[in-house]
Amino acid sequence: MMNNVTPLIIDFDPGLDDAVCFFMILGSKKFDVLGVCPVSGNKGLEITESNALKLCELVGREDIPVLRGASKGILKGRRTSGNVQDSNGLGRNVVLPNPTKKVEKEYAWDFVYRK
């Protein structure tokens, strides 16, 4: 029987919608998450990085490297959604502990190229 697990690097701007998707991916037996690369999107990079770290710790996956992605879009620069999904991007009244895990020193684009 062949192993049908797909290696996956997740490039996302973890707010509420991406957090749900992230949990679904981790709950599936079909993916091997090699790393997550938060980028600026609905919120700035400083918030999405923190959210990625918090989400990994919340589900006990501190082994997944979090690698800094782009701080702005290539074509349209930095645009955020304001206070949609609240100031933290995860939704009103969602408070997660500050992460102990740190962002890797390697940048996302180098990680993706290397993998």
PDB file of N, CA and C in Angstrom:
ATOM      1  N   MET A   1       0.837  -1.173   0.000  1.00  0.00           N
ATOM      2  CA  MET A   1       0.000   0.000   0.000  1.00  0.00           C
ATOM      3  C   MET A   1       0.888   1.244   0.000  1.00  0.00           C
ATOM      4  N   MET A   2       0.592   2.203  -0.876  1.00  0.00           N
ATOM      5  CA  MET A   2       1.389   3.420  -0.986  1.00  0.00           C
ATOM      6  C   MET A   2       0.971   4.435   0.066  1.00  0.00           C
ATOM      7  N   ASN A   3       1.947   5.232   0.486  1.00  0.00           N
ATOM      8  CA  ASN A   3       1.668   6.319   1.416  1.00  0.00           C
ATOM      9  C   ASN A   3       1.158   7.510   0.611  1.00  0.00           C
ATOM     10  N   ASN A   4      -0.077   7.913   0.821  1.00  0.00           N
ATOM     11  CA  ASN A   4      -0.693   8.994   0.065  1.00  0.00           C
ATOM     12  C   ASN A   4      -0.697  10.309   0.833  1.00  0.00           C
ATOM     13  N   VAL A   5       0.360  10.562   1.573  1.00  0.00           N
ATOM     14  CA  VAL A   5       0.465  11.806   2.319  1.00  0.00           C
ATOM     15  C   VAL A   5       1.177  12.835   1.448  1.00  0.00           C
ATOM     16  N   THR A   6       0.574  14.004   1.331  1.00  0.00           N
ATOM     17  CA  THR A   6       1.118  15.074   0.502  1.00  0.00           C
ATOM     18  C   THR A   6       1.881  16.064   1.363  1.00  0.00           C
ATOM     19  N   PRO A   7       3.164  16.313   1.038  1.00  0.00           N
ATOM     20  CA  PRO A   7       3.887  17.346   1.774  1.00  0.00           C
ATOM     21  C   PRO A   7       3.294  18.709   1.438  1.00  0.00           C
ATOM     22  N   LEU A   8       3.198  19.583   2.444  1.00  0.00           N
ATOM     23  CA  LEU A   8       2.506  20.852   2.258  1.00  0.00           C
ATOM     24  C   LEU A   8       3.209  21.967   3.024  1.00  0.00           C
ATOM     25  N   ILE A   9       3.416  23.086   2.343  1.00  0.00           N
ATOM     26  CA  ILE A   9       3.873  24.320   2.979  1.00  0.00           C
ATOM     27  C   ILE A   9       2.722  25.287   2.865  1.00  0.00           C
ATOM     28  N   ILE A  10       2.282  25.836   3.992  1.00  0.00           N
ATOM     29  CA  ILE A  10       1.104  26.702   4.006  1.00  0.00           C
ATOM     30  C   ILE A  10       1.540  28.165   4.018  1.00  0.00           C
ATOM     31  N   ASP A  11       1.123  28.894   2.993  1.00  0.00           N
ATOM     32  CA  ASP A  11       1.347  30.333   2.880  1.00  0.00           C
ATOM     33  C   ASP A  11       0.001  30.978   3.172  1.00  0.00           C
ATOM     34  N   PHE A  12      -0.084  31.719   4.296  1.00  0.00           N
ATOM     35  CA  PHE A  12      -1.393  32.244   4.690  1.00  0.00           C
ATOM     36  C   PHE A  12      -1.262  33.497   5.531  1.00  0.00           C
ATOM     37  N   ASP A  13      -2.384  34.178   5.712  1.00  0.00           N
ATOM     38  CA  ASP A  13      -2.448  35.342   6.600  1.00  0.00           C
ATOM     39  C   ASP A  13      -3.423  34.986   7.723  1.00  0.00           C
ATOM     40  N   PRO A  14      -2.947  34.181   8.688  1.00  0.00           N
ATOM     41  CA  PRO A  14      -3.864  33.545   9.623  1.00  0.00           C
ATOM     42  C   PRO A  14      -4.734  34.497  10.437  1.00  0.00           C
ATOM     43  N   GLY A  15      -5.958  34.575   9.962  1.00  0.00           N
ATOM     44  CA  GLY A  15      -7.051  35.177  10.680  1.00  0.00           C
ATOM     45  C   GLY A  15      -8.041  34.059  10.951  1.00  0.00           C
ATOM     46  N   LEU A  16      -9.258  34.396  11.217  1.00  0.00           N
ATOM     47  CA  LEU A  16     -10.280  33.409  11.566  1.00  0.00           C
ATOM     48  C   LEU A  16     -10.465  32.355  10.482  1.00  0.00           C
ATOM     49  N   ASP A  17     -10.644  32.774   9.228  1.00  0.00           N
ATOM     50  CA  ASP A  17     -10.900  31.826   8.146  1.00  0.00           C
ATOM     51  C   ASP A  17      -9.703  30.907   7.907  1.00  0.00           C
ATOM     52  N   ASP A  18      -8.499  31.461   7.909  1.00  0.00           N
ATOM     53  CA  ASP A  18      -7.314  30.636   7.694  1.00  0.00           C
ATOM     54  C   ASP A  18      -7.045  29.714   8.879  1.00  0.00           C
ATOM     55  N   ALA A  19      -7.391  30.150  10.080  1.00  0.00           N
ATOM     56  CA  ALA A  19      -7.215  29.301  11.259  1.00  0.00           C
ATOM     57  C   ALA A  19      -8.082  28.046  11.144  1.00  0.00           C
ATOM     58  N   VAL A  20      -9.319  28.217  10.710  1.00  0.00           N
ATOM     59  CA  VAL A  20     -10.214  27.065  10.533  1.00  0.00           C
ATOM     60  C   VAL A  20      -9.639  26.111   9.494  1.00  0.00           C
ATOM     61  N   CYS A  21      -9.169  26.642   8.383  1.00  0.00           N
ATOM     62  CA  CYS A  21      -8.571  25.820   7.331  1.00  0.00           C
ATOM     63  C   CYS A  21      -7.326  25.098   7.848  1.00  0.00           C
ATOM     64  N   PHE A  22      -6.503  25.815   8.606  1.00  0.00           N
ATOM     65  CA  PHE A  22      -5.295  25.229   9.193  1.00  0.00           C
ATOM     66  C   PHE A  22      -5.644  24.045  10.087  1.00  0.00           C
ATOM     67  N   PHE A  23      -6.649  24.208  10.934  1.00  0.00           N
ATOM     68  CA  PHE A  23      -7.063  23.109  11.806  1.00  0.00           C
ATOM     69  C   PHE A  23      -7.579  21.916  11.002  1.00  0.00           C
ATOM     70  N   MET A  24      -8.299  22.189   9.922  1.00  0.00           N
ATOM     71  CA  MET A  24      -8.808  21.102   9.076  1.00  0.00           C
ATOM     72  C   MET A  24      -7.656  20.341   8.419  1.00  0.00           C
ATOM     73  N   ILE A  25      -6.652  21.065   7.942  1.00  0.00           N
ATOM     74  CA  ILE A  25      -5.488  20.425   7.326  1.00  0.00           C
ATOM     75  C   ILE A  25      -4.767  19.555   8.353  1.00  0.00           C
ATOM     76  N   LEU A  26      -4.537  20.101   9.550  1.00  0.00           N
ATOM     77  CA  LEU A  26      -3.835  19.338  10.581  1.00  0.00           C
ATOM     78  C   LEU A  26      -4.635  18.126  11.035  1.00  0.00           C
ATOM     79  N   GLY A  27      -5.948  18.217  10.989  1.00  0.00           N
ATOM     80  CA  GLY A  27      -6.799  17.101  11.383  1.00  0.00           C
ATOM     81  C   GLY A  27      -6.880  16.007  10.337  1.00  0.00           C
ATOM     82  N   SER A  28      -6.460  16.317   9.137  1.00  0.00           N
ATOM     83  CA  SER A  28      -6.490  15.351   8.042  1.00  0.00           C
ATOM     84  C   SER A  28      -5.237  14.481   8.089  1.00  0.00           C
ATOM     85  N   LYS A  29      -5.362  13.277   7.659  1.00  0.00           N
ATOM     86  CA  LYS A  29      -4.213  12.371   7.563  1.00  0.00           C
ATOM     87  C   LYS A  29      -3.585  12.443   6.167  1.00  0.00           C
ATOM     88  N   LYS A  30      -4.058  13.369   5.340  1.00  0.00           N
ATOM     89  CA  LYS A  30      -3.614  13.439   3.950  1.00  0.00           C
ATOM     90  C   LYS A  30      -2.429  14.373   3.728  1.00  0.00           C
ATOM     91  N   PHE A  31      -2.043  15.143   4.762  1.00  0.00           N
ATOM     92  CA  PHE A  31      -0.996  16.138   4.581  1.00  0.00           C
ATOM     93  C   PHE A  31       0.092  16.023   5.634  1.00  0.00           C
ATOM     94  N   ASP A  32       1.309  16.292   5.199  1.00  0.00           N
ATOM     95  CA  ASP A  32       2.457  16.436   6.097  1.00  0.00           C
ATOM     96  C   ASP A  32       2.858  17.903   6.008  1.00  0.00           C
ATOM     97  N   VAL A  33       2.505  18.687   7.021  1.00  0.00           N
ATOM     98  CA  VAL A  33       2.784  20.120   6.997  1.00  0.00           C
ATOM     99  C   VAL A  33       4.264  20.333   7.314  1.00  0.00           C
ATOM    100  N   LEU A  34       5.002  20.798   6.312  1.00  0.00           N
ATOM    101  CA  LEU A  34       6.438  21.010   6.440  1.00  0.00           C
ATOM    102  C   LEU A  34       6.764  22.347   7.101  1.00  0.00           C
ATOM    103  N   GLY A  35       5.863  23.313   6.937  1.00  0.00           N
ATOM    104  CA  GLY A  35       6.077  24.630   7.520  1.00  0.00           C
ATOM    105  C   GLY A  35       4.903  25.536   7.210  1.00  0.00           C
ATOM    106  N   VAL A  36       4.817  26.629   7.951  1.00  0.00           N
ATOM    107  CA  VAL A  36       3.807  27.649   7.677  1.00  0.00           C
ATOM    108  C   VAL A  36       4.513  28.978   7.489  1.00  0.00           C
ATOM    109  N   CYS A  37       4.020  29.742   6.525  1.00  0.00           N
ATOM    110  CA  CYS A  37       4.647  31.000   6.135  1.00  0.00           C
ATOM    111  C   CYS A  37       3.611  32.112   6.198  1.00  0.00           C
ATOM    112  N   PRO A  38       3.480  32.761   7.361  1.00  0.00           N
ATOM    113  CA  PRO A  38       2.525  33.856   7.467  1.00  0.00           C
ATOM    114  C   PRO A  38       2.985  35.055   6.640  1.00  0.00           C
ATOM    115  N   VAL A  39       2.005  35.721   6.027  1.00  0.00           N
ATOM    116  CA  VAL A  39       2.246  36.915   5.228  1.00  0.00           C
ATOM    117  C   VAL A  39       1.269  38.004   5.659  1.00  0.00           C
ATOM    118  N   SER A  40       1.566  39.218   5.268  1.00  0.00           N
ATOM    119  CA  SER A  40       0.632  40.312   5.503  1.00  0.00           C
ATOM    120  C   SER A  40      -0.586  40.089   4.620  1.00  0.00           C
ATOM    121  N   GLY A  41      -1.746  40.327   5.168  1.00  0.00           N
ATOM    122  CA  GLY A  41      -2.986  40.132   4.423  1.00  0.00           C
ATOM    123  C   GLY A  41      -4.089  40.907   5.094  1.00  0.00           C
ATOM    124  N   ASN A  42      -5.052  40.183   5.673  1.00  0.00           N
ATOM    125  CA  ASN A  42      -6.105  40.874   6.421  1.00  0.00           C
ATOM    126  C   ASN A  42      -5.518  41.713   7.544  1.00  0.00           C
ATOM    127  N   LYS A  43      -4.422  41.265   8.086  1.00  0.00           N
ATOM    128  CA  LYS A  43      -3.687  41.987   9.130  1.00  0.00           C
ATOM    129  C   LYS A  43      -2.227  42.074   8.717  1.00  0.00           C
ATOM    130  N   GLY A  44      -1.475  42.943   9.374  1.00  0.00           N
ATOM    131  CA  GLY A  44      -0.060  43.084   9.074  1.00  0.00           C
ATOM    132  C   GLY A  44       0.737  41.859   9.502  1.00  0.00           C
ATOM    133  N   LEU A  45       1.963  41.783   9.007  1.00  0.00           N
ATOM    134  CA  LEU A  45       2.820  40.625   9.248  1.00  0.00           C
ATOM    135  C   LEU A  45       3.064  40.372  10.734  1.00  0.00           C
ATOM    136  N   GLU A  46       3.191  41.423  11.522  1.00  0.00           N
ATOM    137  CA  GLU A  46       3.453  41.223  12.957  1.00  0.00           C
ATOM    138  C   GLU A  46       2.304  40.477  13.631  1.00  0.00           C
ATOM    139  N   ILE A  47       1.082  40.713  13.190  1.00  0.00           N
ATOM    140  CA  ILE A  47      -0.082  40.013  13.755  1.00  0.00           C
ATOM    141  C   ILE A  47      -0.196  38.607  13.181  1.00  0.00           C
ATOM    142  N   THR A  48      -0.009  38.452  11.871  1.00  0.00           N
ATOM    143  CA  THR A  48      -0.157  37.118  11.271  1.00  0.00           C
ATOM    144  C   THR A  48       0.943  36.170  11.748  1.00  0.00           C
ATOM    145  N   GLU A  49       2.144  36.688  11.965  1.00  0.00           N
ATOM    146  CA  GLU A  49       3.211  35.844  12.521  1.00  0.00           C
ATOM    147  C   GLU A  49       2.836  35.358  13.915  1.00  0.00           C
ATOM    148  N   SER A  50       2.386  36.285  14.739  1.00  0.00           N
ATOM    149  CA  SER A  50       1.987  35.927  16.101  1.00  0.00           C
ATOM    150  C   SER A  50       0.847  34.906  16.076  1.00  0.00           C
ATOM    151  N   ASN A  51      -0.130  35.123  15.198  1.00  0.00           N
ATOM    152  CA  ASN A  51      -1.250  34.178  15.093  1.00  0.00           C
ATOM    153  C   ASN A  51      -0.778  32.795  14.670  1.00  0.00           C
ATOM    154  N   ALA A  52       0.146  32.724  13.713  1.00  0.00           N
ATOM    155  CA  ALA A  52       0.653  31.421  13.259  1.00  0.00           C
ATOM    156  C   ALA A  52       1.337  30.684  14.407  1.00  0.00           C
ATOM    157  N   LEU A  53       2.150  31.403  15.163  1.00  0.00           N
ATOM    158  CA  LEU A  53       2.826  30.795  16.318  1.00  0.00           C
ATOM    159  C   LEU A  53       1.811  30.307  17.351  1.00  0.00           C
ATOM    160  N   LYS A  54       0.827  31.148  17.640  1.00  0.00           N
ATOM    161  CA  LYS A  54      -0.204  30.799  18.625  1.00  0.00           C
ATOM    162  C   LYS A  54      -1.009  29.578  18.182  1.00  0.00           C
ATOM    163  N   LEU A  55      -1.370  29.519  16.900  1.00  0.00           N
ATOM    164  CA  LEU A  55      -2.175  28.402  16.402  1.00  0.00           C
ATOM    165  C   LEU A  55      -1.388  27.097  16.470  1.00  0.00           C
ATOM    166  N   CYS A  56      -0.103  27.142  16.111  1.00  0.00           N
ATOM    167  CA  CYS A  56       0.723  25.933  16.211  1.00  0.00           C
ATOM    168  C   CYS A  56       0.790  25.437  17.651  1.00  0.00           C
ATOM    169  N   GLU A  57       0.983  26.363  18.586  1.00  0.00           N
ATOM    170  CA  GLU A  57       1.052  25.971  19.998  1.00  0.00           C
ATOM    171  C   GLU A  57      -0.289  25.484  20.516  1.00  0.00           C
ATOM    172  N   LEU A  58      -1.371  26.120  20.066  1.00  0.00           N
ATOM    173  CA  LEU A  58      -2.708  25.737  20.524  1.00  0.00           C
ATOM    174  C   LEU A  58      -3.003  24.274  20.234  1.00  0.00           C
ATOM    175  N   VAL A  59      -2.548  23.784  19.081  1.00  0.00           N
ATOM    176  CA  VAL A  59      -2.837  22.400  18.699  1.00  0.00           C
ATOM    177  C   VAL A  59      -1.663  21.456  18.984  1.00  0.00           C
ATOM    178  N   GLY A  60      -0.661  21.958  19.732  1.00  0.00           N
ATOM    179  CA  GLY A  60       0.450  21.095  20.110  1.00  0.00           C
ATOM    180  C   GLY A  60       1.380  20.744  18.973  1.00  0.00           C
ATOM    181  N   ARG A  61       1.492  21.627  17.985  1.00  0.00           N
ATOM    182  CA  ARG A  61       2.373  21.356  16.842  1.00  0.00           C
ATOM    183  C   ARG A  61       3.525  22.363  16.793  1.00  0.00           C
ATOM    184  N   GLU A  62       4.233  22.448  17.901  1.00  0.00           N
ATOM    185  CA  GLU A  62       5.393  23.324  17.972  1.00  0.00           C
ATOM    186  C   GLU A  62       6.497  22.881  17.027  1.00  0.00           C
ATOM    187  N   ASP A  63       6.389  21.627  16.520  1.00  0.00           N
ATOM    188  CA  ASP A  63       7.390  21.092  15.597  1.00  0.00           C
ATOM    189  C   ASP A  63       7.292  21.711  14.200  1.00  0.00           C
ATOM    190  N   ILE A  64       6.188  22.354  13.888  1.00  0.00           N
ATOM    191  CA  ILE A  64       6.021  22.965  12.565  1.00  0.00           C
ATOM    192  C   ILE A  64       6.755  24.304  12.554  1.00  0.00           C
ATOM    193  N   PRO A  65       7.739  24.460  11.658  1.00  0.00           N
ATOM    194  CA  PRO A  65       8.436  25.745  11.605  1.00  0.00           C
ATOM    195  C   PRO A  65       7.531  26.853  11.071  1.00  0.00           C
ATOM    196  N   VAL A  66       7.655  28.033  11.680  1.00  0.00           N
ATOM    197  CA  VAL A  66       6.946  29.230  11.229  1.00  0.00           C
ATOM    198  C   VAL A  66       8.001  30.151  10.636  1.00  0.00           C
ATOM    199  N   LEU A  67       7.848  30.465   9.346  1.00  0.00           N
ATOM    200  CA  LEU A  67       8.853  31.230   8.623  1.00  0.00           C
ATOM    201  C   LEU A  67       8.264  32.519   8.087  1.00  0.00           C
ATOM    202  N   ARG A  68       8.941  33.624   8.313  1.00  0.00           N
ATOM    203  CA  ARG A  68       8.459  34.954   7.932  1.00  0.00           C
ATOM    204  C   ARG A  68       8.293  35.062   6.421  1.00  0.00           C
ATOM    205  N   GLY A  69       7.071  35.469   6.033  1.00  0.00           N
ATOM    206  CA  GLY A  69       6.763  35.687   4.630  1.00  0.00           C
ATOM    207  C   GLY A  69       6.762  37.165   4.288  1.00  0.00           C
ATOM    208  N   ALA A  70       6.050  37.513   3.237  1.00  0.00           N
ATOM    209  CA  ALA A  70       6.048  38.876   2.706  1.00  0.00           C
ATOM    210  C   ALA A  70       5.268  39.839   3.598  1.00  0.00           C
ATOM    211  N   SER A  71       5.811  41.043   3.754  1.00  0.00           N
ATOM    212  CA  SER A  71       5.153  42.064   4.568  1.00  0.00           C
ATOM    213  C   SER A  71       4.188  42.916   3.745  1.00  0.00           C
ATOM    214  N   LYS A  72       4.188  42.715   2.424  1.00  0.00           N
ATOM    215  CA  LYS A  72       3.246  43.433   1.555  1.00  0.00           C
ATOM    216  C   LYS A  72       3.116  42.664   0.247  1.00  0.00           C
ATOM    217  N   GLY A  73       2.026  42.926  -0.445  1.00  0.00           N
ATOM    218  CA  GLY A  73       1.802  42.284  -1.732  1.00  0.00           C
ATOM    219  C   GLY A  73       2.723  42.835  -2.804  1.00  0.00           C
ATOM    220  N   ILE A  74       3.024  42.045  -3.804  1.00  0.00           N
ATOM    221  CA  ILE A  74       3.912  42.466  -4.881  1.00  0.00           C
ATOM    222  C   ILE A  74       3.269  43.557  -5.733  1.00  0.00           C
ATOM    223  N   LEU A  75       2.014  43.389  -6.073  1.00  0.00           N
ATOM    224  CA  LEU A  75       1.361  44.305  -7.003  1.00  0.00           C
ATOM    225  C   LEU A  75       0.654  45.478  -6.343  1.00  0.00           C
ATOM    226  N   LYS A  76       0.069  45.267  -5.197  1.00  0.00           N
ATOM    227  CA  LYS A  76      -0.755  46.313  -4.603  1.00  0.00           C
ATOM    228  C   LYS A  76      -0.245  46.806  -3.256  1.00  0.00           C
ATOM    229  N   GLY A  77       0.943  46.425  -2.871  1.00  0.00           N
ATOM    230  CA  GLY A  77       1.483  46.895  -1.597  1.00  0.00           C
ATOM    231  C   GLY A  77       0.742  46.293  -0.414  1.00  0.00           C
ATOM    232  N   ARG A  78       0.806  46.986   0.702  1.00  0.00           N
ATOM    233  CA  ARG A  78       0.173  46.488   1.920  1.00  0.00           C
ATOM    234  C   ARG A  78      -1.243  47.008   2.023  1.00  0.00           C
ATOM    235  N   ARG A  79      -2.184  46.087   2.104  1.00  0.00           N
ATOM    236  CA  ARG A  79      -3.591  46.418   2.318  1.00  0.00           C
ATOM    237  C   ARG A  79      -4.118  45.479   3.377  1.00  0.00           C
ATOM    238  N   THR A  80      -4.817  46.015   4.350  1.00  0.00           N
ATOM    239  CA  THR A  80      -5.397  45.176   5.395  1.00  0.00           C
ATOM    240  C   THR A  80      -6.907  45.374   5.409  1.00  0.00           C
ATOM    241  N   SER A  81      -7.576  44.588   6.213  1.00  0.00           N
ATOM    242  CA  SER A  81      -9.039  44.621   6.270  1.00  0.00           C
ATOM    243  C   SER A  81      -9.571  45.501   7.397  1.00  0.00           C
ATOM    244  N   GLY A  82      -8.699  46.295   8.012  1.00  0.00           N
ATOM    245  CA  GLY A  82      -9.163  47.112   9.134  1.00  0.00           C
ATOM    246  C   GLY A  82      -9.508  46.230  10.320  1.00  0.00           C
ATOM    247  N   ASN A  83     -10.679  46.426  10.904  1.00  0.00           N
ATOM    248  CA  ASN A  83     -11.074  45.649  12.077  1.00  0.00           C
ATOM    249  C   ASN A  83     -12.024  44.497  11.764  1.00  0.00           C
ATOM    250  N   VAL A  84     -12.095  44.099  10.490  1.00  0.00           N
ATOM    251  CA  VAL A  84     -12.837  42.887  10.169  1.00  0.00           C
ATOM    252  C   VAL A  84     -12.134  41.737  10.890  1.00  0.00           C
ATOM    253  N   GLN A  85     -12.854  40.861  11.496  1.00  0.00           N
ATOM    254  CA  GLN A  85     -12.320  39.758  12.308  1.00  0.00           C
ATOM    255  C   GLN A  85     -11.591  40.293  13.536  1.00  0.00           C
ATOM    256  N   ASP A  86     -11.927  41.488  13.968  1.00  0.00           N
ATOM    257  CA  ASP A  86     -11.400  42.161  15.147  1.00  0.00           C
ATOM    258  C   ASP A  86      -9.926  42.531  14.949  1.00  0.00           C
ATOM    259  N   SER A  87      -9.348  43.165  15.916  1.00  0.00           N
ATOM    260  CA  SER A  87      -7.988  43.692  15.767  1.00  0.00           C
ATOM    261  C   SER A  87      -6.927  42.600  15.665  1.00  0.00           C
ATOM    262  N   ASN A  88      -7.224  41.414  16.206  1.00  0.00           N
ATOM    263  CA  ASN A  88      -6.250  40.325  16.147  1.00  0.00           C
ATOM    264  C   ASN A  88      -6.439  39.416  14.939  1.00  0.00           C
ATOM    265  N   GLY A  89      -7.487  39.649  14.161  1.00  0.00           N
ATOM    266  CA  GLY A  89      -7.742  38.826  12.989  1.00  0.00           C
ATOM    267  C   GLY A  89      -8.436  37.516  13.287  1.00  0.00           C
ATOM    268  N   LEU A  90      -8.508  37.136  14.546  1.00  0.00           N
ATOM    269  CA  LEU A  90      -9.098  35.843  14.906  1.00  0.00           C
ATOM    270  C   LEU A  90     -10.540  35.944  15.386  1.00  0.00           C
ATOM    271  N   GLY A  91     -11.021  37.142  15.576  1.00  0.00           N
ATOM    272  CA  GLY A  91     -12.405  37.310  15.980  1.00  0.00           C
ATOM    273  C   GLY A  91     -12.544  37.920  17.359  1.00  0.00           C
ATOM    274  N   ARG A  92     -13.667  38.555  17.552  1.00  0.00           N
ATOM    275  CA  ARG A  92     -13.957  39.209  18.830  1.00  0.00           C
ATOM    276  C   ARG A  92     -13.954  38.179  19.958  1.00  0.00           C
ATOM    277  N   ASN A  93     -13.354  38.545  21.046  1.00  0.00           N
ATOM    278  CA  ASN A  93     -13.290  37.727  22.261  1.00  0.00           C
ATOM    279  C   ASN A  93     -12.407  36.491  22.135  1.00  0.00           C
ATOM    280  N   VAL A  94     -11.621  36.381  21.052  1.00  0.00           N
ATOM    281  CA  VAL A  94     -10.669  35.283  20.933  1.00  0.00           C
ATOM    282  C   VAL A  94      -9.334  35.773  21.457  1.00  0.00           C
ATOM    283  N   VAL A  95      -8.921  35.216  22.583  1.00  0.00           N
ATOM    284  CA  VAL A  95      -7.655  35.603  23.195  1.00  0.00           C
ATOM    285  C   VAL A  95      -6.839  34.334  23.403  1.00  0.00           C
ATOM    286  N   LEU A  96      -5.709  34.265  22.743  1.00  0.00           N
ATOM    287  CA  LEU A  96      -4.808  33.124  22.897  1.00  0.00           C
ATOM    288  C   LEU A  96      -3.574  33.585  23.661  1.00  0.00           C
ATOM    289  N   PRO A  97      -2.966  32.698  24.432  1.00  0.00           N
ATOM    290  CA  PRO A  97      -1.758  33.076  25.167  1.00  0.00           C
ATOM    291  C   PRO A  97      -0.647  33.508  24.213  1.00  0.00           C
ATOM    292  N   ASN A  98       0.208  34.405  24.690  1.00  0.00           N
ATOM    293  CA  ASN A  98       1.368  34.784  23.892  1.00  0.00           C
ATOM    294  C   ASN A  98       2.210  33.549  23.617  1.00  0.00           C
ATOM    295  N   PRO A  99       2.716  33.419  22.403  1.00  0.00           N
ATOM    296  CA  PRO A  99       3.474  32.212  22.062  1.00  0.00           C
ATOM    297  C   PRO A  99       4.852  32.202  22.705  1.00  0.00           C
ATOM    298  N   THR A 100       5.325  31.007  23.008  1.00  0.00           N
ATOM    299  CA  THR A 100       6.706  30.846  23.449  1.00  0.00           C
ATOM    300  C   THR A 100       7.585  30.485  22.254  1.00  0.00           C
ATOM    301  N   LYS A 101       6.974  29.885  21.265  1.00  0.00           N
ATOM    302  CA  LYS A 101       7.646  29.525  20.019  1.00  0.00           C
ATOM    303  C   LYS A 101       8.040  30.800  19.289  1.00  0.00           C
ATOM    304  N   LYS A 102       9.135  30.757  18.546  1.00  0.00           N
ATOM    305  CA  LYS A 102       9.637  31.914  17.804  1.00  0.00           C
ATOM    306  C   LYS A 102       9.611  31.636  16.300  1.00  0.00           C
ATOM    307  N   VAL A 103       9.579  32.707  15.542  1.00  0.00           N
ATOM    308  CA  VAL A 103       9.687  32.610  14.085  1.00  0.00           C
ATOM    309  C   VAL A 103      11.111  32.178  13.754  1.00  0.00           C
ATOM    310  N   GLU A 104      11.246  31.289  12.772  1.00  0.00           N
ATOM    311  CA  GLU A 104      12.563  30.821  12.345  1.00  0.00           C
ATOM    312  C   GLU A 104      13.381  31.978  11.766  1.00  0.00           C
ATOM    313  N   LYS A 105      14.688  31.840  11.781  1.00  0.00           N
ATOM    314  CA  LYS A 105      15.559  32.869  11.201  1.00  0.00           C
ATOM    315  C   LYS A 105      15.505  32.847   9.675  1.00  0.00           C
ATOM    316  N   GLU A 106      15.272  31.680   9.093  1.00  0.00           N
ATOM    317  CA  GLU A 106      15.196  31.542   7.639  1.00  0.00           C
ATOM    318  C   GLU A 106      13.900  32.169   7.123  1.00  0.00           C
ATOM    319  N   TYR A 107      13.973  32.851   5.994  1.00  0.00           N
ATOM    320  CA  TYR A 107      12.779  33.441   5.396  1.00  0.00           C
ATOM    321  C   TYR A 107      11.993  32.393   4.618  1.00  0.00           C
ATOM    322  N   ALA A 108      10.691  32.644   4.477  1.00  0.00           N
ATOM    323  CA  ALA A 108       9.791  31.698   3.821  1.00  0.00           C
ATOM    324  C   ALA A 108      10.254  31.332   2.422  1.00  0.00           C
ATOM    325  N   TRP A 109      10.652  32.321   1.618  1.00  0.00           N
ATOM    326  CA  TRP A 109      11.022  32.050   0.229  1.00  0.00           C
ATOM    327  C   TRP A 109      12.248  31.159   0.138  1.00  0.00           C
ATOM    328  N   ASP A 110      13.193  31.279   1.074  1.00  0.00           N
ATOM    329  CA  ASP A 110      14.361  30.397   1.083  1.00  0.00           C
ATOM    330  C   ASP A 110      13.948  28.982   1.484  1.00  0.00           C
ATOM    331  N   PHE A 111      13.056  28.888   2.460  1.00  0.00           N
ATOM    332  CA  PHE A 111      12.547  27.591   2.915  1.00  0.00           C
ATOM    333  C   PHE A 111      11.826  26.860   1.797  1.00  0.00           C
ATOM    334  N   VAL A 112      10.937  27.562   1.089  1.00  0.00           N
ATOM    335  CA  VAL A 112      10.185  26.961  -0.014  1.00  0.00           C
ATOM    336  C   VAL A 112      11.140  26.501  -1.098  1.00  0.00           C
ATOM    337  N   TYR A 113      12.112  27.309  -1.442  1.00  0.00           N
ATOM    338  CA  TYR A 113      13.094  26.949  -2.482  1.00  0.00           C
ATOM    339  C   TYR A 113      13.874  25.706  -2.062  1.00  0.00           C
ATOM    340  N   ARG A 114      14.279  25.665  -0.809  1.00  0.00           N
ATOM    341  CA  ARG A 114      15.072  24.543  -0.304  1.00  0.00           C
ATOM    342  C   ARG A 114      14.281  23.244  -0.261  1.00  0.00           C
ATOM    343  N   LYS A 115      12.994  23.325   0.026  1.00  0.00           N
ATOM    344  CA  LYS A 115      12.158  22.122   0.119  1.00  0.00           C
ATOM    345  C   LYS A 115      11.775  21.650  -1.260  1.00  0.00           C
TER     346      LYS A 115
END
